[in-house]
Structures are given as C-alpha cells and as structure tokens.
Amino acid sequence: SIHGTEQDRVNCPFYFKVGACRHGDRCSRQHNKPLFSQTVLLAHMYQAPASAAMAQGPTSLQSASDDKEAQEHFDDFYEEIYEELEKFGKIDEINVCANLGDHMIGNVYVKYFEEEDAEKALTALNGRFYAGRLIMAEYSPVTDFRESRCRQYEESQCKYGGHCNFMHISRPCKDVCKRLGIRATYEPAR
C-alpha cells in the first residue's frame, strides 16, 4: 500500500507519520484526521523556557546551568502531565516534541494501550486549561513513533536543528522515570 508514503499523491506523508505538517491547511495533500485512535495529540502544550532563546538562533548562548534548569522544568512538566493523563487509563508512551517549527513546538503525544482510554482523555481534556492556556486535544494518526522520530537527533547529529520535520523527543531524567514506574530508555528508532 502506498497510503501515507511519498508515492501517495493524495494523503500527506508527514501528517500520517508525525501527526503534524509544516504546511498546515495550505498543504496540497489531505490530512485525514482519525475519528478514533490510541494516540491523543495535545498541541503546543509544553512551553519550554529555552524555546524563546533557541528561536533567536546561535547568537543566544546557553550555559550548562541553563541546560540543567531546562531539564528540571521539563521533568516537572512531564511528571505532572503523566500523573494527570494516567487517570484516564494505562499509558503506553508519552512523547514531547523539542522541535521549534510552528506545527510541532511543544506538541505532546500520549499513546494509550486502549482506544477507549484515549477517548476518555480527549473528552475530559478539551476545554480545560493548563498553565493558563487552553488545551487543544485531538486524535493523532501516529501509533508507531519509530517512523516519527528523527534518528539523527537521537544520535545528536540532526543538521536541521529544531526546525526538523521529524520529532525531536525530549526525555525525562531517570529519577522521574523511576518514580513514575516507566522505562528510562526507549527502543532506538530503526
């Protein structure tokens, strides 16, 4: 099947693989939003403290203490949302994008083991606020994140930086993973 591949001239392969497309509504291909899914996208939910500085480019210098503060901020966010999202059902994985592109910045993807749990989360979260911002929840076509991840980013070699169109996934520290009872490492992308 060519559905969702580069050969598919009707459906957008990036939307199919990543759940977001840099062209948005102007894309020449269709973004078929699923009517149900195990994965819920919480668009632009994570507001990284370093996003504004990174968006300014290489002129803004970051120190090791900035990196430590950013990781602590992320770990607090991850732990808080994990505990809230777990109320709706057993979570398979949560992926938070570190990308800077408008279509991916701060996107949170939560994949549940059961579609019914994703439905409960979507229904409960839409209309709620987090950190003073409206939560925008929708089903995502992404259920296998191996094709969504930027392999070069995972090897610290992505030449596109934060504007890559594949997911640059932020990871919680090992202590947070231990407290939440989740695996600290992820299966490498293939």
N, C-alpha and C. Protein backbone atom coordinates (compact mmCIF):
# COMPACT_ATOMS: atom_id res chain seq x y z
N SER A 1 0.83 -1.18 0.00
CA SER A 1 0.00 0.00 0.00
C SER A 1 0.88 1.25 0.00
N ILE A 2 0.49 2.24 -0.76
CA ILE A 2 1.26 3.49 -0.82
C ILE A 2 0.67 4.57 0.10
N HIS A 3 -0.41 4.25 0.82
CA HIS A 3 -1.07 5.22 1.70
C HIS A 3 -0.07 5.79 2.71
N GLY A 4 0.03 7.13 2.72
CA GLY A 4 0.89 7.79 3.68
C GLY A 4 2.38 7.75 3.34
N THR A 5 2.72 7.34 2.10
CA THR A 5 4.11 7.35 1.67
C THR A 5 4.33 8.50 0.70
N GLU A 6 5.57 8.73 0.33
CA GLU A 6 5.88 9.80 -0.63
C GLU A 6 5.19 9.56 -1.97
N GLN A 7 4.95 8.30 -2.33
CA GLN A 7 4.29 7.98 -3.60
C GLN A 7 2.79 8.31 -3.58
N ASP A 8 2.22 8.45 -2.40
CA ASP A 8 0.80 8.78 -2.26
C ASP A 8 0.63 10.26 -2.58
N ARG A 9 -0.01 10.57 -3.69
CA ARG A 9 -0.18 11.96 -4.12
C ARG A 9 -1.42 12.62 -3.53
N VAL A 10 -2.19 11.87 -2.74
CA VAL A 10 -3.42 12.39 -2.16
C VAL A 10 -3.24 12.71 -0.67
N ASN A 11 -2.67 11.78 0.09
CA ASN A 11 -2.54 11.92 1.54
C ASN A 11 -1.14 12.39 1.92
N CYS A 12 -1.06 13.28 2.89
CA CYS A 12 0.21 13.87 3.33
C CYS A 12 1.02 12.85 4.14
N PRO A 13 2.22 12.50 3.67
CA PRO A 13 3.02 11.52 4.42
C PRO A 13 3.52 12.05 5.76
N PHE A 14 3.78 13.35 5.87
CA PHE A 14 4.24 13.89 7.15
C PHE A 14 3.12 13.88 8.18
N TYR A 15 1.92 14.24 7.77
CA TYR A 15 0.81 14.19 8.72
C TYR A 15 0.58 12.76 9.19
N PHE A 16 0.69 11.82 8.26
CA PHE A 16 0.48 10.41 8.58
C PHE A 16 1.55 9.90 9.55
N LYS A 17 2.82 10.29 9.34
CA LYS A 17 3.93 9.79 10.16
C LYS A 17 4.10 10.55 11.47
N VAL A 18 3.90 11.87 11.43
CA VAL A 18 4.25 12.73 12.56
C VAL A 18 3.03 13.35 13.24
N GLY A 19 1.89 13.34 12.57
CA GLY A 19 0.69 13.93 13.15
C GLY A 19 0.66 15.44 13.04
N ALA A 20 1.60 16.00 12.26
CA ALA A 20 1.68 17.45 12.06
C ALA A 20 2.35 17.68 10.71
N CYS A 21 1.99 18.77 10.06
CA CYS A 21 2.57 19.10 8.76
C CYS A 21 2.91 20.58 8.75
N ARG A 22 4.10 20.92 8.27
CA ARG A 22 4.54 22.32 8.28
C ARG A 22 3.69 23.20 7.40
N HIS A 23 2.97 22.62 6.45
CA HIS A 23 2.12 23.41 5.56
C HIS A 23 0.73 23.67 6.14
N GLY A 24 0.37 22.90 7.16
CA GLY A 24 -0.94 23.08 7.79
C GLY A 24 -2.08 22.98 6.80
N ASP A 25 -3.03 23.91 6.87
CA ASP A 25 -4.20 23.90 5.98
C ASP A 25 -3.84 24.21 4.53
N ARG A 26 -2.65 24.73 4.30
CA ARG A 26 -2.22 25.05 2.93
C ARG A 26 -1.57 23.86 2.22
N CYS A 27 -1.46 22.73 2.88
CA CYS A 27 -0.82 21.55 2.29
C CYS A 27 -1.60 21.10 1.06
N SER A 28 -0.87 20.69 0.04
CA SER A 28 -1.50 20.23 -1.20
C SER A 28 -2.07 18.82 -1.07
N ARG A 29 -1.76 18.16 0.03
CA ARG A 29 -2.26 16.80 0.27
C ARG A 29 -3.21 16.80 1.46
N GLN A 30 -3.99 15.75 1.57
CA GLN A 30 -5.01 15.66 2.62
C GLN A 30 -4.42 15.25 3.96
N HIS A 31 -4.97 15.83 4.99
CA HIS A 31 -4.67 15.44 6.37
C HIS A 31 -5.92 14.75 6.90
N ASN A 32 -5.94 13.44 6.82
CA ASN A 32 -7.11 12.69 7.27
C ASN A 32 -7.04 12.52 8.78
N LYS A 33 -7.82 13.33 9.48
CA LYS A 33 -7.85 13.27 10.94
C LYS A 33 -8.65 12.04 11.35
N PRO A 34 -8.05 11.19 12.19
CA PRO A 34 -8.75 9.96 12.59
C PRO A 34 -9.97 10.25 13.46
N LEU A 35 -10.96 9.41 13.34
CA LEU A 35 -12.17 9.52 14.17
C LEU A 35 -11.97 8.86 15.53
N PHE A 36 -10.96 7.99 15.62
CA PHE A 36 -10.57 7.36 16.87
C PHE A 36 -9.12 6.93 16.73
N SER A 37 -8.44 6.80 17.85
CA SER A 37 -7.02 6.42 17.85
C SER A 37 -6.61 6.10 19.27
N GLN A 38 -5.50 5.40 19.42
CA GLN A 38 -4.91 5.18 20.74
C GLN A 38 -4.12 6.41 21.18
N THR A 39 -3.81 7.30 20.22
CA THR A 39 -2.94 8.44 20.49
C THR A 39 -3.70 9.75 20.45
N VAL A 40 -3.47 10.56 21.47
CA VAL A 40 -4.06 11.89 21.56
C VAL A 40 -2.92 12.90 21.45
N LEU A 41 -3.12 13.89 20.59
CA LEU A 41 -2.17 15.00 20.45
C LEU A 41 -2.68 16.17 21.27
N LEU A 42 -1.82 16.68 22.14
CA LEU A 42 -2.09 17.90 22.90
C LEU A 42 -1.19 18.97 22.29
N ALA A 43 -1.75 19.69 21.34
CA ALA A 43 -0.97 20.61 20.52
C ALA A 43 -0.41 21.77 21.33
N HIS A 44 0.89 21.98 21.20
CA HIS A 44 1.61 23.12 21.78
C HIS A 44 1.44 23.23 23.30
N MET A 45 1.29 22.12 23.97
CA MET A 45 1.04 22.15 25.40
C MET A 45 2.29 22.49 26.23
N TYR A 46 3.44 21.96 25.81
CA TYR A 46 4.66 22.20 26.59
C TYR A 46 5.31 23.51 26.16
N GLN A 47 5.52 24.38 27.13
CA GLN A 47 6.16 25.66 26.89
C GLN A 47 7.55 25.63 27.51
N ALA A 48 8.54 25.26 26.72
CA ALA A 48 9.91 25.16 27.21
C ALA A 48 10.46 26.54 27.50
N PRO A 49 11.15 26.70 28.63
CA PRO A 49 11.71 28.02 28.94
C PRO A 49 12.78 28.43 27.93
N ALA A 50 13.43 27.47 27.30
CA ALA A 50 14.50 27.78 26.37
C ALA A 50 14.01 28.00 24.94
N SER A 51 12.74 27.73 24.65
CA SER A 51 12.23 27.85 23.29
C SER A 51 12.44 29.24 22.71
N ALA A 52 12.16 30.26 23.50
CA ALA A 52 12.30 31.63 23.01
C ALA A 52 13.76 31.93 22.70
N ALA A 53 14.66 31.51 23.57
CA ALA A 53 16.09 31.76 23.34
C ALA A 53 16.59 30.98 22.13
N MET A 54 16.16 29.71 21.99
CA MET A 54 16.62 28.89 20.87
C MET A 54 16.08 29.42 19.55
N ALA A 55 14.89 29.98 19.57
CA ALA A 55 14.30 30.51 18.34
C ALA A 55 15.09 31.70 17.81
N GLN A 56 15.83 32.38 18.70
CA GLN A 56 16.63 33.52 18.28
C GLN A 56 17.89 33.09 17.54
N GLY A 57 18.22 31.81 17.61
CA GLY A 57 19.35 31.30 16.85
C GLY A 57 20.63 31.21 17.65
N PRO A 58 21.74 31.00 16.93
CA PRO A 58 23.01 30.72 17.60
C PRO A 58 23.59 31.90 18.37
N THR A 59 23.03 33.09 18.24
CA THR A 59 23.58 34.23 18.97
C THR A 59 23.24 34.16 20.45
N SER A 60 22.19 33.43 20.81
CA SER A 60 21.85 33.34 22.24
C SER A 60 22.62 32.17 22.84
N LEU A 61 23.51 32.48 23.75
CA LEU A 61 24.35 31.45 24.34
C LEU A 61 23.65 30.82 25.53
N GLN A 62 23.83 29.51 25.65
CA GLN A 62 23.27 28.80 26.78
C GLN A 62 24.41 28.20 27.58
N SER A 63 24.24 28.17 28.87
CA SER A 63 25.25 27.59 29.74
C SER A 63 24.78 26.23 30.24
N ALA A 64 25.67 25.52 30.90
CA ALA A 64 25.33 24.22 31.47
C ALA A 64 24.22 24.37 32.52
N SER A 65 24.22 25.49 33.27
CA SER A 65 23.18 25.69 34.28
C SER A 65 21.82 25.91 33.60
N ASP A 66 21.82 26.55 32.41
CA ASP A 66 20.57 26.70 31.64
C ASP A 66 20.03 25.33 31.24
N ASP A 67 20.93 24.45 30.81
CA ASP A 67 20.53 23.09 30.42
C ASP A 67 19.94 22.34 31.61
N LYS A 68 20.57 22.49 32.78
CA LYS A 68 20.09 21.82 33.98
C LYS A 68 18.71 22.35 34.37
N GLU A 69 18.55 23.67 34.34
CA GLU A 69 17.25 24.27 34.65
C GLU A 69 16.18 23.84 33.66
N ALA A 70 16.54 23.78 32.40
CA ALA A 70 15.58 23.36 31.37
C ALA A 70 15.16 21.92 31.59
N GLN A 71 16.10 21.04 31.94
CA GLN A 71 15.77 19.64 32.20
C GLN A 71 14.87 19.52 33.42
N GLU A 72 15.17 20.29 34.47
CA GLU A 72 14.32 20.26 35.68
C GLU A 72 12.91 20.75 35.36
N HIS A 73 12.80 21.80 34.56
CA HIS A 73 11.50 22.32 34.16
C HIS A 73 10.74 21.25 33.38
N PHE A 74 11.43 20.61 32.45
CA PHE A 74 10.79 19.56 31.66
C PHE A 74 10.37 18.39 32.54
N ASP A 75 11.26 17.96 33.44
CA ASP A 75 10.93 16.83 34.32
C ASP A 75 9.69 17.12 35.16
N ASP A 76 9.58 18.35 35.69
CA ASP A 76 8.39 18.73 36.46
C ASP A 76 7.14 18.66 35.60
N PHE A 77 7.22 19.18 34.39
CA PHE A 77 6.10 19.15 33.46
C PHE A 77 5.71 17.70 33.15
N TYR A 78 6.69 16.89 32.80
CA TYR A 78 6.43 15.50 32.40
C TYR A 78 5.75 14.73 33.52
N GLU A 79 6.29 14.87 34.72
CA GLU A 79 5.73 14.15 35.86
C GLU A 79 4.28 14.59 36.12
N GLU A 80 4.04 15.88 36.04
CA GLU A 80 2.70 16.41 36.28
C GLU A 80 1.69 15.91 35.24
N ILE A 81 2.06 15.98 33.96
CA ILE A 81 1.10 15.54 32.95
C ILE A 81 0.93 14.03 32.94
N TYR A 82 2.01 13.30 33.22
CA TYR A 82 1.89 11.84 33.26
C TYR A 82 0.87 11.43 34.32
N GLU A 83 1.00 12.01 35.50
CA GLU A 83 0.08 11.66 36.59
C GLU A 83 -1.36 12.04 36.25
N GLU A 84 -1.56 13.15 35.56
CA GLU A 84 -2.91 13.56 35.16
C GLU A 84 -3.46 12.66 34.05
N LEU A 85 -2.64 12.40 33.04
CA LEU A 85 -3.09 11.60 31.89
C LEU A 85 -3.32 10.14 32.26
N GLU A 86 -2.61 9.66 33.27
CA GLU A 86 -2.75 8.28 33.70
C GLU A 86 -4.12 8.02 34.34
N LYS A 87 -4.79 9.08 34.76
CA LYS A 87 -6.13 8.94 35.35
C LYS A 87 -7.14 8.40 34.35
N PHE A 88 -6.85 8.54 33.06
CA PHE A 88 -7.79 8.11 32.01
C PHE A 88 -7.54 6.69 31.54
N GLY A 89 -6.39 6.10 31.90
CA GLY A 89 -6.09 4.73 31.51
C GLY A 89 -4.59 4.49 31.44
N LYS A 90 -4.23 3.25 31.16
CA LYS A 90 -2.82 2.85 31.11
C LYS A 90 -2.14 3.45 29.88
N ILE A 91 -1.04 4.14 30.13
CA ILE A 91 -0.30 4.84 29.09
C ILE A 91 0.79 3.94 28.52
N ASP A 92 0.85 3.86 27.20
CA ASP A 92 1.93 3.14 26.54
C ASP A 92 3.17 4.02 26.47
N GLU A 93 3.01 5.26 26.00
CA GLU A 93 4.14 6.20 25.95
C GLU A 93 3.64 7.63 25.81
N ILE A 94 4.48 8.55 26.29
CA ILE A 94 4.24 9.98 26.11
C ILE A 94 5.46 10.54 25.41
N ASN A 95 5.24 11.28 24.34
CA ASN A 95 6.32 11.92 23.60
C ASN A 95 6.08 13.41 23.55
N VAL A 96 7.09 14.17 23.96
CA VAL A 96 7.01 15.63 23.97
C VAL A 96 8.04 16.15 22.97
N CYS A 97 7.57 16.93 22.01
CA CYS A 97 8.46 17.44 20.96
C CYS A 97 9.29 18.63 21.44
N ALA A 98 10.58 18.57 21.11
CA ALA A 98 11.50 19.67 21.39
C ALA A 98 11.71 20.51 20.13
N ASN A 99 10.98 20.23 19.08
CA ASN A 99 11.11 20.96 17.81
C ASN A 99 10.67 22.41 17.98
N LEU A 100 11.16 23.27 17.09
CA LEU A 100 10.83 24.70 17.15
C LEU A 100 9.87 25.14 16.06
N GLY A 101 9.61 24.29 15.06
CA GLY A 101 8.68 24.66 13.99
C GLY A 101 7.29 24.90 14.53
N ASP A 102 6.59 25.87 13.97
CA ASP A 102 5.25 26.24 14.45
C ASP A 102 4.29 25.06 14.56
N HIS A 103 4.43 24.09 13.68
CA HIS A 103 3.50 22.96 13.64
C HIS A 103 3.82 21.89 14.69
N MET A 104 5.01 21.98 15.32
CA MET A 104 5.40 20.92 16.26
C MET A 104 5.82 21.40 17.64
N ILE A 105 6.07 22.67 17.80
CA ILE A 105 6.62 23.17 19.06
C ILE A 105 5.71 22.83 20.24
N GLY A 106 6.30 22.14 21.22
CA GLY A 106 5.58 21.81 22.44
C GLY A 106 4.48 20.76 22.30
N ASN A 107 4.41 20.08 21.15
CA ASN A 107 3.38 19.05 20.99
C ASN A 107 3.63 17.88 21.94
N VAL A 108 2.55 17.41 22.56
CA VAL A 108 2.61 16.26 23.46
C VAL A 108 1.73 15.17 22.86
N TYR A 109 2.31 14.00 22.64
CA TYR A 109 1.58 12.86 22.12
C TYR A 109 1.48 11.83 23.23
N VAL A 110 0.27 11.47 23.60
CA VAL A 110 0.08 10.44 24.62
C VAL A 110 -0.60 9.25 23.96
N LYS A 111 0.08 8.11 24.01
CA LYS A 111 -0.47 6.89 23.42
C LYS A 111 -0.91 5.97 24.55
N TYR A 112 -2.19 5.64 24.52
CA TYR A 112 -2.76 4.71 25.50
C TYR A 112 -2.75 3.31 24.92
N PHE A 113 -2.82 2.32 25.78
CA PHE A 113 -2.92 0.94 25.31
C PHE A 113 -4.29 0.68 24.68
N GLU A 114 -5.31 1.40 25.15
CA GLU A 114 -6.68 1.18 24.67
C GLU A 114 -7.27 2.47 24.07
N GLU A 115 -7.95 2.33 22.94
CA GLU A 115 -8.60 3.49 22.29
C GLU A 115 -9.64 4.13 23.21
N GLU A 116 -10.30 3.33 24.02
CA GLU A 116 -11.34 3.85 24.91
C GLU A 116 -10.73 4.83 25.93
N ASP A 117 -9.51 4.54 26.37
CA ASP A 117 -8.85 5.42 27.32
C ASP A 117 -8.45 6.73 26.65
N ALA A 118 -8.01 6.64 25.39
CA ALA A 118 -7.69 7.86 24.62
C ALA A 118 -8.95 8.71 24.46
N GLU A 119 -10.07 8.06 24.23
CA GLU A 119 -11.33 8.79 24.09
C GLU A 119 -11.70 9.50 25.39
N LYS A 120 -11.51 8.81 26.52
CA LYS A 120 -11.79 9.44 27.83
C LYS A 120 -10.90 10.68 28.03
N ALA A 121 -9.64 10.55 27.68
CA ALA A 121 -8.70 11.67 27.83
C ALA A 121 -9.10 12.83 26.93
N LEU A 122 -9.39 12.55 25.68
CA LEU A 122 -9.75 13.59 24.73
C LEU A 122 -10.99 14.35 25.20
N THR A 123 -11.99 13.62 25.63
CA THR A 123 -13.24 14.23 26.09
C THR A 123 -13.02 15.08 27.34
N ALA A 124 -12.22 14.57 28.27
CA ALA A 124 -12.00 15.28 29.54
C ALA A 124 -11.08 16.49 29.38
N LEU A 125 -10.13 16.42 28.45
CA LEU A 125 -9.13 17.49 28.35
C LEU A 125 -9.56 18.67 27.50
N ASN A 126 -10.35 18.44 26.48
CA ASN A 126 -10.78 19.55 25.62
C ASN A 126 -11.58 20.55 26.44
N GLY A 127 -11.19 21.80 26.33
CA GLY A 127 -11.87 22.86 27.08
C GLY A 127 -11.21 23.18 28.41
N ARG A 128 -10.27 22.33 28.85
CA ARG A 128 -9.54 22.61 30.09
C ARG A 128 -8.35 23.51 29.80
N PHE A 129 -7.80 24.04 30.86
CA PHE A 129 -6.64 24.90 30.73
C PHE A 129 -5.45 24.29 31.45
N TYR A 130 -4.26 24.54 30.91
CA TYR A 130 -3.02 24.14 31.57
C TYR A 130 -2.07 25.34 31.47
N ALA A 131 -1.55 25.76 32.60
CA ALA A 131 -0.63 26.90 32.67
C ALA A 131 -1.23 28.13 31.98
N GLY A 132 -2.54 28.33 32.17
CA GLY A 132 -3.22 29.50 31.62
C GLY A 132 -3.54 29.43 30.13
N ARG A 133 -3.29 28.27 29.53
CA ARG A 133 -3.54 28.11 28.09
C ARG A 133 -4.57 27.01 27.85
N LEU A 134 -5.43 27.23 26.88
CA LEU A 134 -6.45 26.24 26.53
C LEU A 134 -5.80 24.99 25.96
N ILE A 135 -6.19 23.83 26.44
CA ILE A 135 -5.69 22.56 25.91
C ILE A 135 -6.45 22.24 24.63
N MET A 136 -5.69 21.99 23.57
CA MET A 136 -6.27 21.61 22.28
C MET A 136 -5.94 20.15 22.03
N ALA A 137 -6.89 19.26 22.32
CA ALA A 137 -6.67 17.82 22.18
C ALA A 137 -7.38 17.32 20.93
N GLU A 138 -6.69 16.42 20.22
CA GLU A 138 -7.28 15.77 19.05
C GLU A 138 -6.64 14.41 18.88
N TYR A 139 -7.33 13.52 18.18
CA TYR A 139 -6.73 12.23 17.89
C TYR A 139 -5.60 12.41 16.89
N SER A 140 -4.58 11.59 17.04
CA SER A 140 -3.44 11.63 16.13
C SER A 140 -3.39 10.33 15.33
N PRO A 141 -2.98 10.41 14.06
CA PRO A 141 -2.84 9.20 13.27
C PRO A 141 -1.61 8.38 13.68
N VAL A 142 -0.73 8.94 14.49
CA VAL A 142 0.52 8.27 14.85
C VAL A 142 0.30 7.28 15.98
N THR A 143 0.60 6.02 15.70
CA THR A 143 0.54 5.00 16.74
C THR A 143 1.87 4.27 16.86
N ASP A 144 2.75 4.44 15.88
CA ASP A 144 4.08 3.85 15.90
C ASP A 144 5.08 4.98 15.75
N PHE A 145 5.72 5.35 16.84
CA PHE A 145 6.59 6.52 16.85
C PHE A 145 7.98 6.25 16.28
N ARG A 146 8.27 5.01 15.91
CA ARG A 146 9.58 4.73 15.32
C ARG A 146 9.79 5.49 14.02
N GLU A 147 8.72 5.67 13.24
CA GLU A 147 8.82 6.40 11.97
C GLU A 147 8.74 7.91 12.16
N SER A 148 8.32 8.34 13.34
CA SER A 148 8.15 9.77 13.63
C SER A 148 9.42 10.42 14.15
N ARG A 149 10.24 9.62 14.81
CA ARG A 149 11.43 10.14 15.46
C ARG A 149 12.53 10.47 14.46
N CYS A 150 13.25 11.52 14.77
CA CYS A 150 14.43 11.89 13.97
C CYS A 150 15.60 11.04 14.46
N ARG A 151 16.05 10.14 13.63
CA ARG A 151 17.15 9.26 14.01
C ARG A 151 18.44 10.05 14.25
N GLN A 152 18.67 11.07 13.43
CA GLN A 152 19.89 11.88 13.58
C GLN A 152 19.87 12.65 14.91
N TYR A 153 18.70 13.13 15.32
CA TYR A 153 18.59 13.84 16.60
C TYR A 153 18.96 12.91 17.75
N GLU A 154 18.47 11.67 17.68
CA GLU A 154 18.76 10.70 18.73
C GLU A 154 20.25 10.39 18.81
N GLU A 155 20.98 10.65 17.73
CA GLU A 155 22.43 10.45 17.70
C GLU A 155 23.17 11.79 17.81
N SER A 156 22.44 12.87 18.17
CA SER A 156 22.98 14.23 18.30
C SER A 156 23.63 14.74 17.02
N GLN A 157 23.02 14.41 15.86
CA GLN A 157 23.60 14.79 14.59
C GLN A 157 22.61 15.41 13.61
N CYS A 158 21.45 15.88 14.07
CA CYS A 158 20.46 16.42 13.13
C CYS A 158 20.92 17.77 12.60
N LYS A 159 21.04 17.85 11.28
CA LYS A 159 21.53 19.08 10.65
C LYS A 159 20.45 20.15 10.53
N TYR A 160 19.19 19.81 10.79
CA TYR A 160 18.10 20.77 10.68
C TYR A 160 17.79 21.47 12.01
N GLY A 161 18.39 20.99 13.07
CA GLY A 161 18.16 21.59 14.38
C GLY A 161 16.69 21.49 14.78
N GLY A 162 16.22 22.50 15.50
CA GLY A 162 14.85 22.49 15.99
C GLY A 162 13.79 22.60 14.92
N HIS A 163 14.19 22.89 13.69
CA HIS A 163 13.22 23.05 12.60
C HIS A 163 13.08 21.80 11.75
N CYS A 164 13.58 20.69 12.23
CA CYS A 164 13.44 19.39 11.56
C CYS A 164 11.95 19.02 11.52
N ASN A 165 11.54 18.30 10.50
CA ASN A 165 10.13 17.89 10.39
C ASN A 165 9.84 16.53 11.03
N PHE A 166 10.87 15.88 11.58
CA PHE A 166 10.65 14.66 12.35
C PHE A 166 10.80 15.01 13.82
N MET A 167 10.20 14.19 14.69
CA MET A 167 10.15 14.50 16.12
C MET A 167 11.51 14.47 16.79
N HIS A 168 11.82 15.55 17.49
CA HIS A 168 12.94 15.61 18.41
C HIS A 168 12.29 15.45 19.79
N ILE A 169 12.38 14.27 20.34
CA ILE A 169 11.62 13.94 21.55
C ILE A 169 12.45 14.20 22.80
N SER A 170 11.89 15.01 23.69
CA SER A 170 12.52 15.28 24.99
C SER A 170 12.28 14.10 25.91
N ARG A 171 13.27 13.78 26.72
CA ARG A 171 13.18 12.63 27.62
C ARG A 171 13.28 13.09 29.08
N PRO A 172 12.44 12.51 29.94
CA PRO A 172 12.59 12.80 31.37
C PRO A 172 13.84 12.11 31.91
N CYS A 173 14.36 12.62 33.01
CA CYS A 173 15.54 12.00 33.61
C CYS A 173 15.18 10.64 34.21
N LYS A 174 16.20 9.87 34.53
CA LYS A 174 15.99 8.52 35.07
C LYS A 174 15.24 8.52 36.39
N ASP A 175 15.47 9.54 37.23
CA ASP A 175 14.78 9.60 38.52
C ASP A 175 13.26 9.75 38.33
N VAL A 176 12.87 10.58 37.38
CA VAL A 176 11.43 10.77 37.11
C VAL A 176 10.84 9.47 36.58
N CYS A 177 11.55 8.82 35.68
CA CYS A 177 11.07 7.55 35.14
C CYS A 177 10.90 6.51 36.25
N LYS A 178 11.85 6.48 37.16
CA LYS A 178 11.78 5.53 38.27
C LYS A 178 10.57 5.83 39.16
N ARG A 179 10.35 7.12 39.48
CA ARG A 179 9.20 7.49 40.32
C ARG A 179 7.87 7.14 39.65
N LEU A 180 7.82 7.29 38.31
CA LEU A 180 6.58 7.01 37.58
C LEU A 180 6.43 5.53 37.23
N GLY A 181 7.49 4.77 37.41
CA GLY A 181 7.44 3.34 37.09
C GLY A 181 7.44 3.07 35.59
N ILE A 182 8.12 3.92 34.84
CA ILE A 182 8.19 3.74 33.38
C ILE A 182 9.63 3.46 32.98
N ARG A 183 9.81 2.90 31.80
CA ARG A 183 11.17 2.60 31.34
C ARG A 183 11.93 3.90 31.08
N ALA A 184 13.18 3.90 31.46
CA ALA A 184 14.00 5.11 31.35
C ALA A 184 14.57 5.28 29.95
N THR A 185 14.72 4.21 29.24
CA THR A 185 15.25 4.30 27.88
C THR A 185 14.20 3.82 26.90
N TYR A 186 14.34 4.27 25.70
CA TYR A 186 13.39 3.92 24.66
C TYR A 186 14.10 3.06 23.64
N GLU A 187 13.34 2.20 23.03
CA GLU A 187 13.87 1.38 21.95
C GLU A 187 14.35 2.31 20.84
N PRO A 188 15.58 2.15 20.38
CA PRO A 188 16.07 3.05 19.34
C PRO A 188 15.28 2.91 18.05
N ALA A 189 15.16 4.04 17.34
CA ALA A 189 14.45 4.03 16.06
C ALA A 189 15.19 3.13 15.09
N ARG A 190 14.43 2.47 14.26
CA ARG A 190 15.04 1.56 13.27
C ARG A 190 14.84 2.10 11.89
